[in-house]
Amino acid sequence: MNLALFDVDILGQALHAAILDGDHSKLDSYSDTVLPQIWNYQDFAVWMTDMMHDAGDPTLRGTFLQMTARARLDNLFNSKTAALLHSQYQLGTN
């Protein structure tokens, strides 16, 4: 949801500038503006999904990935830095 709100905010600003001011520069740079954030969130989503799935049954992807996923989960609970980064990604404030 945060990503959609970010995206529509940037698009709204670009459309406003183009329609009311005749300035198309924000529309022209729209993809360059939003794609880095989109890829960051895609990376976070893959990381989170893999971590949650790998932490369970080791027969799915092996004991090594299970244990590294559990170590990541432990870090989220025991490291203020890891927890802060995780919460920033969840809230869209990173």
N, C-alpha and C. Protein backbone atom coordinates (compact mmCIF):
# COMPACT_ATOMS: atom_id res chain seq x y z
N MET A 1 0.82 -1.19 0.00
CA MET A 1 0.00 0.00 0.00
C MET A 1 0.87 1.26 0.00
N ASN A 2 1.93 1.25 0.83
CA ASN A 2 2.80 2.43 0.88
C ASN A 2 3.41 2.72 -0.48
N LEU A 3 3.79 1.66 -1.18
CA LEU A 3 4.39 1.85 -2.50
C LEU A 3 3.39 2.47 -3.47
N ALA A 4 2.15 2.04 -3.41
CA ALA A 4 1.12 2.61 -4.28
C ALA A 4 0.89 4.08 -3.96
N LEU A 5 0.90 4.43 -2.67
CA LEU A 5 0.72 5.82 -2.29
C LEU A 5 1.89 6.68 -2.74
N PHE A 6 3.10 6.14 -2.60
CA PHE A 6 4.29 6.85 -3.08
C PHE A 6 4.18 7.09 -4.58
N ASP A 7 3.81 6.05 -5.30
CA ASP A 7 3.73 6.12 -6.75
C ASP A 7 2.68 7.15 -7.20
N VAL A 8 1.51 7.12 -6.61
CA VAL A 8 0.44 8.04 -7.02
C VAL A 8 0.79 9.47 -6.63
N ASP A 9 1.52 9.66 -5.55
CA ASP A 9 1.95 11.00 -5.16
C ASP A 9 2.90 11.59 -6.21
N ILE A 10 3.88 10.81 -6.63
CA ILE A 10 4.83 11.26 -7.64
C ILE A 10 4.11 11.52 -8.97
N LEU A 11 3.21 10.60 -9.34
CA LEU A 11 2.46 10.77 -10.58
C LEU A 11 1.57 12.01 -10.52
N GLY A 12 0.92 12.22 -9.39
CA GLY A 12 0.06 13.39 -9.24
C GLY A 12 0.84 14.70 -9.39
N GLN A 13 2.02 14.74 -8.78
CA GLN A 13 2.86 15.94 -8.91
C GLN A 13 3.27 16.15 -10.37
N ALA A 14 3.61 15.07 -11.04
CA ALA A 14 4.04 15.17 -12.44
C ALA A 14 2.89 15.63 -13.34
N LEU A 15 1.70 15.07 -13.11
CA LEU A 15 0.54 15.48 -13.91
C LEU A 15 0.16 16.93 -13.63
N HIS A 16 0.22 17.32 -12.38
CA HIS A 16 -0.09 18.70 -12.00
C HIS A 16 0.85 19.67 -12.72
N ALA A 17 2.13 19.37 -12.70
CA ALA A 17 3.11 20.24 -13.36
C ALA A 17 2.88 20.28 -14.87
N ALA A 18 2.55 19.13 -15.45
CA ALA A 18 2.35 19.06 -16.90
C ALA A 18 1.08 19.79 -17.34
N ILE A 19 0.00 19.57 -16.61
CA ILE A 19 -1.29 20.13 -17.02
C ILE A 19 -1.40 21.62 -16.69
N LEU A 20 -1.02 21.98 -15.48
CA LEU A 20 -1.22 23.37 -15.05
C LEU A 20 -0.07 24.30 -15.41
N ASP A 21 1.14 23.75 -15.45
CA ASP A 21 2.31 24.60 -15.69
C ASP A 21 2.95 24.38 -17.05
N GLY A 22 2.51 23.34 -17.75
CA GLY A 22 3.12 23.02 -19.04
C GLY A 22 4.52 22.44 -18.93
N ASP A 23 4.89 22.02 -17.71
CA ASP A 23 6.23 21.46 -17.46
C ASP A 23 6.15 19.94 -17.50
N HIS A 24 6.68 19.32 -18.54
CA HIS A 24 6.61 17.87 -18.70
C HIS A 24 7.85 17.15 -18.16
N SER A 25 8.75 17.86 -17.52
CA SER A 25 10.00 17.24 -17.07
C SER A 25 9.76 16.15 -16.03
N LYS A 26 8.80 16.36 -15.13
CA LYS A 26 8.52 15.33 -14.11
C LYS A 26 7.88 14.09 -14.74
N LEU A 27 7.05 14.30 -15.74
CA LEU A 27 6.48 13.15 -16.46
C LEU A 27 7.57 12.40 -17.22
N ASP A 28 8.47 13.16 -17.84
CA ASP A 28 9.56 12.55 -18.60
C ASP A 28 10.49 11.74 -17.71
N SER A 29 10.66 12.17 -16.46
CA SER A 29 11.57 11.47 -15.55
C SER A 29 10.83 10.56 -14.56
N TYR A 30 9.54 10.34 -14.80
CA TYR A 30 8.71 9.55 -13.88
C TYR A 30 9.29 8.17 -13.60
N SER A 31 9.62 7.42 -14.65
CA SER A 31 10.16 6.06 -14.46
C SER A 31 11.47 6.09 -13.70
N ASP A 32 12.35 7.02 -14.05
CA ASP A 32 13.62 7.13 -13.34
C ASP A 32 13.42 7.49 -11.87
N THR A 33 12.36 8.20 -11.58
CA THR A 33 12.07 8.61 -10.20
C THR A 33 11.51 7.46 -9.38
N VAL A 34 10.57 6.70 -9.92
CA VAL A 34 9.88 5.69 -9.12
C VAL A 34 10.51 4.30 -9.16
N LEU A 35 11.20 3.95 -10.24
CA LEU A 35 11.71 2.58 -10.35
C LEU A 35 12.70 2.18 -9.26
N PRO A 36 13.62 3.04 -8.83
CA PRO A 36 14.51 2.61 -7.75
C PRO A 36 13.75 2.21 -6.48
N GLN A 37 12.73 2.96 -6.12
CA GLN A 37 11.93 2.63 -4.94
C GLN A 37 11.15 1.33 -5.16
N ILE A 38 10.62 1.16 -6.35
CA ILE A 38 9.88 -0.07 -6.66
C ILE A 38 10.79 -1.28 -6.53
N TRP A 39 12.00 -1.20 -7.09
CA TRP A 39 12.92 -2.34 -6.99
C TRP A 39 13.36 -2.59 -5.56
N ASN A 40 13.51 -1.54 -4.75
CA ASN A 40 13.83 -1.74 -3.34
C ASN A 40 12.72 -2.52 -2.64
N TYR A 41 11.48 -2.18 -2.92
CA TYR A 41 10.37 -2.88 -2.30
C TYR A 41 10.22 -4.30 -2.82
N GLN A 42 10.50 -4.52 -4.09
CA GLN A 42 10.48 -5.88 -4.63
C GLN A 42 11.53 -6.73 -3.93
N ASP A 43 12.72 -6.15 -3.76
CA ASP A 43 13.79 -6.86 -3.06
C ASP A 43 13.37 -7.20 -1.63
N PHE A 44 12.77 -6.25 -0.94
CA PHE A 44 12.30 -6.49 0.42
C PHE A 44 11.24 -7.59 0.45
N ALA A 45 10.31 -7.55 -0.49
CA ALA A 45 9.25 -8.56 -0.53
C ALA A 45 9.81 -9.96 -0.76
N VAL A 46 10.77 -10.08 -1.66
CA VAL A 46 11.40 -11.38 -1.92
C VAL A 46 12.17 -11.84 -0.68
N TRP A 47 12.92 -10.93 -0.08
CA TRP A 47 13.70 -11.26 1.13
C TRP A 47 12.77 -11.76 2.23
N MET A 48 11.68 -11.03 2.48
CA MET A 48 10.75 -11.39 3.54
C MET A 48 10.06 -12.72 3.24
N THR A 49 9.60 -12.90 2.02
CA THR A 49 8.93 -14.14 1.64
C THR A 49 9.87 -15.33 1.77
N ASP A 50 11.07 -15.20 1.24
CA ASP A 50 12.04 -16.29 1.35
C ASP A 50 12.37 -16.60 2.80
N MET A 51 12.57 -15.57 3.60
CA MET A 51 12.90 -15.78 5.01
C MET A 51 11.79 -16.53 5.73
N MET A 52 10.56 -16.13 5.52
CA MET A 52 9.44 -16.77 6.22
C MET A 52 9.23 -18.21 5.75
N HIS A 53 9.38 -18.45 4.46
CA HIS A 53 9.19 -19.80 3.95
C HIS A 53 10.36 -20.71 4.31
N ASP A 54 11.57 -20.18 4.19
CA ASP A 54 12.75 -21.00 4.45
C ASP A 54 12.91 -21.35 5.93
N ALA A 55 12.35 -20.55 6.83
CA ALA A 55 12.50 -20.80 8.26
C ALA A 55 11.71 -22.02 8.72
N GLY A 56 10.83 -22.51 7.90
CA GLY A 56 9.98 -23.63 8.28
C GLY A 56 10.58 -24.99 7.95
N ASP A 57 9.92 -25.72 7.12
CA ASP A 57 10.25 -27.10 6.78
C ASP A 57 11.56 -27.19 6.00
N PRO A 58 12.59 -27.85 6.55
CA PRO A 58 13.88 -27.93 5.84
C PRO A 58 13.83 -28.82 4.60
N THR A 59 12.78 -29.63 4.45
CA THR A 59 12.71 -30.48 3.26
C THR A 59 12.37 -29.68 2.01
N LEU A 60 11.89 -28.45 2.19
CA LEU A 60 11.54 -27.63 1.03
C LEU A 60 12.78 -27.10 0.33
N ARG A 61 13.73 -26.51 1.09
CA ARG A 61 14.91 -25.91 0.46
C ARG A 61 16.20 -26.24 1.18
N GLY A 62 16.13 -27.10 2.18
CA GLY A 62 17.35 -27.54 2.84
C GLY A 62 17.58 -26.91 4.20
N THR A 63 18.40 -27.60 4.97
CA THR A 63 18.69 -27.17 6.34
C THR A 63 19.48 -25.87 6.37
N PHE A 64 20.42 -25.69 5.43
CA PHE A 64 21.22 -24.48 5.42
C PHE A 64 20.35 -23.23 5.31
N LEU A 65 19.43 -23.21 4.35
CA LEU A 65 18.56 -22.05 4.18
C LEU A 65 17.59 -21.90 5.35
N GLN A 66 17.18 -23.01 5.93
CA GLN A 66 16.32 -22.94 7.10
C GLN A 66 17.04 -22.22 8.24
N MET A 67 18.28 -22.61 8.48
CA MET A 67 19.02 -22.04 9.60
C MET A 67 19.41 -20.57 9.35
N THR A 68 19.76 -20.22 8.11
CA THR A 68 20.07 -18.81 7.84
C THR A 68 18.80 -17.96 7.95
N ALA A 69 17.67 -18.49 7.54
CA ALA A 69 16.41 -17.75 7.67
C ALA A 69 16.06 -17.56 9.14
N ARG A 70 16.28 -18.56 9.95
CA ARG A 70 16.01 -18.43 11.38
C ARG A 70 16.96 -17.43 12.03
N ALA A 71 18.21 -17.41 11.56
CA ALA A 71 19.16 -16.42 12.07
C ALA A 71 18.68 -15.00 11.73
N ARG A 72 18.15 -14.82 10.54
CA ARG A 72 17.61 -13.51 10.15
C ARG A 72 16.43 -13.12 11.04
N LEU A 73 15.55 -14.07 11.30
CA LEU A 73 14.42 -13.80 12.18
C LEU A 73 14.90 -13.44 13.59
N ASP A 74 15.88 -14.18 14.08
CA ASP A 74 16.45 -13.86 15.39
C ASP A 74 17.00 -12.44 15.41
N ASN A 75 17.67 -12.04 14.32
CA ASN A 75 18.20 -10.68 14.25
C ASN A 75 17.10 -9.63 14.32
N LEU A 76 15.97 -9.91 13.70
CA LEU A 76 14.86 -8.96 13.75
C LEU A 76 14.36 -8.74 15.18
N PHE A 77 14.44 -9.78 15.99
CA PHE A 77 13.97 -9.68 17.37
C PHE A 77 15.04 -9.19 18.33
N ASN A 78 16.31 -9.42 17.99
CA ASN A 78 17.39 -9.13 18.94
C ASN A 78 18.28 -7.96 18.56
N SER A 79 18.17 -7.46 17.35
CA SER A 79 19.01 -6.35 16.91
C SER A 79 18.14 -5.12 16.65
N LYS A 80 18.42 -4.06 17.38
CA LYS A 80 17.65 -2.83 17.17
C LYS A 80 17.87 -2.28 15.76
N THR A 81 19.08 -2.44 15.25
CA THR A 81 19.39 -1.95 13.91
C THR A 81 18.59 -2.71 12.86
N ALA A 82 18.57 -4.05 12.96
CA ALA A 82 17.82 -4.87 12.01
C ALA A 82 16.33 -4.58 12.12
N ALA A 83 15.85 -4.44 13.35
CA ALA A 83 14.43 -4.16 13.55
C ALA A 83 14.05 -2.79 12.99
N LEU A 84 14.94 -1.81 13.16
CA LEU A 84 14.67 -0.47 12.62
C LEU A 84 14.60 -0.49 11.10
N LEU A 85 15.57 -1.15 10.47
CA LEU A 85 15.57 -1.24 9.01
C LEU A 85 14.31 -1.95 8.51
N HIS A 86 13.96 -3.05 9.17
CA HIS A 86 12.76 -3.80 8.79
C HIS A 86 11.52 -2.91 8.91
N SER A 87 11.40 -2.19 10.00
CA SER A 87 10.22 -1.34 10.19
C SER A 87 10.18 -0.20 9.18
N GLN A 88 11.35 0.32 8.79
CA GLN A 88 11.38 1.37 7.77
C GLN A 88 10.89 0.84 6.43
N TYR A 89 11.29 -0.37 6.09
CA TYR A 89 10.79 -0.96 4.84
C TYR A 89 9.28 -1.21 4.92
N GLN A 90 8.83 -1.71 6.07
CA GLN A 90 7.40 -1.99 6.22
C GLN A 90 6.56 -0.71 6.11
N LEU A 91 7.08 0.38 6.69
CA LEU A 91 6.33 1.63 6.70
C LEU A 91 6.55 2.48 5.46
N GLY A 92 7.58 2.13 4.70
CA GLY A 92 7.88 2.91 3.50
C GLY A 92 8.61 4.20 3.80
N THR A 93 9.36 4.23 4.89
CA THR A 93 10.08 5.45 5.27
C THR A 93 11.57 5.36 5.00
N ASN A 94 12.02 4.31 4.36
CA ASN A 94 13.46 4.15 4.12
C ASN A 94 13.92 4.99 2.96
